[in-house]
Amino acid sequence: MVRREVVGAHYGLRDWLAQRITAVIMMVYTALIVSALIGVRHWDYWQWKALWQVPVVRYATLLFLVSLLLHAWIGMRNIFMDYIKDPGLRLALYVIVIGALVWYGVWSIQIVWSL
């Protein structure tokens, strides 16, 4: 009888798929924002503010931010799982990254929704 030792969390396919989906969302959003920026010849404060007052732009930005934060978390978690062998250090790095990502998320939402 062969005994197999299960090692790791086996997030492989789910992480791969999540990374690809979030990357596509970010690419589409970036293309739309760049096309909006190119479409207007002269940008001033009022046109910029008017763009961000449109609910679709705000919700698309929120989706972009969530995708960006999820993409960053998956990437950092996988790097830590692969290269940081000490569990205590890995946990500390997880807490730091999660704290930073939550902070960036709250800060970004505050910026986008306060325009």
Protein backbone atom coordinates (compact mmCIF):
# COMPACT_ATOMS: atom_id res chain seq x y z
CA MET A 1 0.00 0.00 0.00
CA VAL A 2 1.29 3.44 -0.97
CA ARG A 3 0.81 6.20 1.55
CA ARG A 4 0.48 9.66 0.14
CA GLU A 5 1.11 12.72 2.22
CA VAL A 6 -1.13 15.62 1.31
CA VAL A 7 0.82 18.86 1.35
CA GLY A 8 -0.48 22.38 0.71
CA ALA A 9 -3.92 23.83 0.45
CA HIS A 10 -4.56 22.89 -3.20
CA TYR A 11 -5.98 26.24 -4.26
CA GLY A 12 -4.56 25.74 -7.76
CA LEU A 13 -7.48 25.78 -10.18
CA ARG A 14 -9.62 28.17 -8.15
CA ASP A 15 -6.75 30.64 -7.80
CA TRP A 16 -5.78 30.34 -11.45
CA LEU A 17 -9.35 31.00 -12.54
CA ALA A 18 -9.82 33.89 -10.10
CA GLN A 19 -6.57 35.49 -11.28
CA ARG A 20 -7.69 35.26 -14.92
CA ILE A 21 -11.20 36.58 -14.26
CA THR A 22 -9.96 39.52 -12.19
CA ALA A 23 -7.33 40.31 -14.84
CA VAL A 24 -9.97 40.38 -17.57
CA ILE A 25 -12.20 42.67 -15.47
CA MET A 26 -9.27 45.03 -14.90
CA MET A 27 -8.33 45.01 -18.61
CA VAL A 28 -11.89 45.82 -19.71
CA TYR A 29 -12.21 48.61 -17.14
CA THR A 30 -8.85 50.08 -18.16
CA ALA A 31 -9.82 49.99 -21.84
CA LEU A 32 -13.13 51.75 -21.09
CA ILE A 33 -11.51 54.47 -18.97
CA VAL A 34 -8.74 55.05 -21.52
CA SER A 35 -11.32 55.28 -24.31
CA ALA A 36 -13.30 57.79 -22.25
CA LEU A 37 -10.14 59.84 -21.67
CA ILE A 38 -9.24 59.76 -25.36
CA GLY A 39 -12.79 60.59 -26.43
CA VAL A 40 -12.77 64.02 -24.79
CA ARG A 41 -10.42 66.58 -26.32
CA HIS A 42 -10.11 68.97 -23.40
CA TRP A 43 -10.36 67.69 -19.85
CA ASP A 44 -11.02 70.07 -17.05
CA TYR A 45 -12.14 69.60 -13.47
CA TRP A 46 -15.85 69.76 -14.27
CA GLN A 47 -15.69 67.15 -17.01
CA TRP A 48 -13.63 64.88 -14.79
CA LYS A 49 -16.10 65.31 -11.94
CA ALA A 50 -19.04 64.70 -14.28
CA LEU A 51 -17.47 61.42 -15.42
CA TRP A 52 -17.26 60.17 -11.83
CA GLN A 53 -20.82 61.28 -11.05
CA VAL A 54 -22.20 58.68 -13.47
CA PRO A 55 -23.33 55.68 -11.38
CA VAL A 56 -22.12 53.16 -13.98
CA VAL A 57 -18.59 54.56 -13.74
CA ARG A 58 -18.66 54.42 -9.96
CA TYR A 59 -19.92 50.84 -9.87
CA ALA A 60 -17.46 49.80 -12.57
CA THR A 61 -14.69 51.39 -10.52
CA LEU A 62 -15.88 49.55 -7.44
CA LEU A 63 -15.80 46.27 -9.38
CA PHE A 64 -12.31 47.15 -10.60
CA LEU A 65 -11.13 47.87 -7.06
CA VAL A 66 -12.54 44.61 -5.70
CA SER A 67 -10.94 42.72 -8.58
CA LEU A 68 -7.62 44.47 -8.01
CA LEU A 69 -7.61 43.70 -4.30
CA LEU A 70 -8.59 40.07 -4.84
CA HIS A 71 -5.97 39.70 -7.57
CA ALA A 72 -3.31 41.16 -5.27
CA TRP A 73 -4.35 38.94 -2.35
CA ILE A 74 -4.22 35.74 -4.36
CA GLY A 75 -0.84 36.63 -5.79
CA MET A 76 0.68 37.57 -2.44
CA ARG A 77 -0.80 34.53 -0.69
CA ASN A 78 0.60 32.20 -3.33
CA ILE A 79 4.03 33.83 -3.11
CA PHE A 80 4.01 33.47 0.68
CA MET A 81 2.87 29.84 0.50
CA ASP A 82 5.61 29.02 -1.99
CA TYR A 83 8.55 30.89 -0.48
CA ILE A 84 7.92 31.52 3.24
CA LYS A 85 8.37 28.23 5.09
CA ASP A 86 8.10 29.49 8.68
CA PRO A 87 4.38 29.40 9.64
CA GLY A 88 4.68 32.25 12.14
CA LEU A 89 6.33 34.57 9.67
CA ARG A 90 3.85 33.58 6.96
CA LEU A 91 0.91 34.32 9.29
CA ALA A 92 2.41 37.70 10.21
CA LEU A 93 2.84 38.55 6.54
CA TYR A 94 -0.75 37.45 5.83
CA VAL A 95 -2.03 39.77 8.54
CA ILE A 96 0.06 42.69 7.23
CA VAL A 97 -1.08 42.18 3.64
CA ILE A 98 -4.74 41.71 4.58
CA GLY A 99 -4.60 44.84 6.73
CA ALA A 100 -3.00 46.84 3.93
CA LEU A 101 -5.49 45.59 1.33
CA VAL A 102 -8.46 46.38 3.57
CA TRP A 103 -7.02 49.84 4.23
CA TYR A 104 -6.47 50.45 0.50
CA GLY A 105 -9.99 49.24 -0.26
CA VAL A 106 -11.66 51.50 2.30
CA TRP A 107 -9.53 54.45 1.24
CA SER A 108 -10.27 53.89 -2.45
CA ILE A 109 -14.01 53.59 -1.89
CA GLN A 110 -13.94 56.74 0.20
CA ILE A 111 -12.18 58.59 -2.64
CA VAL A 112 -14.47 57.32 -5.40
CA TRP A 113 -17.73 57.85 -3.56
CA SER A 114 -16.85 61.26 -2.13
CA LEU A 115 -16.29 62.93 -5.51
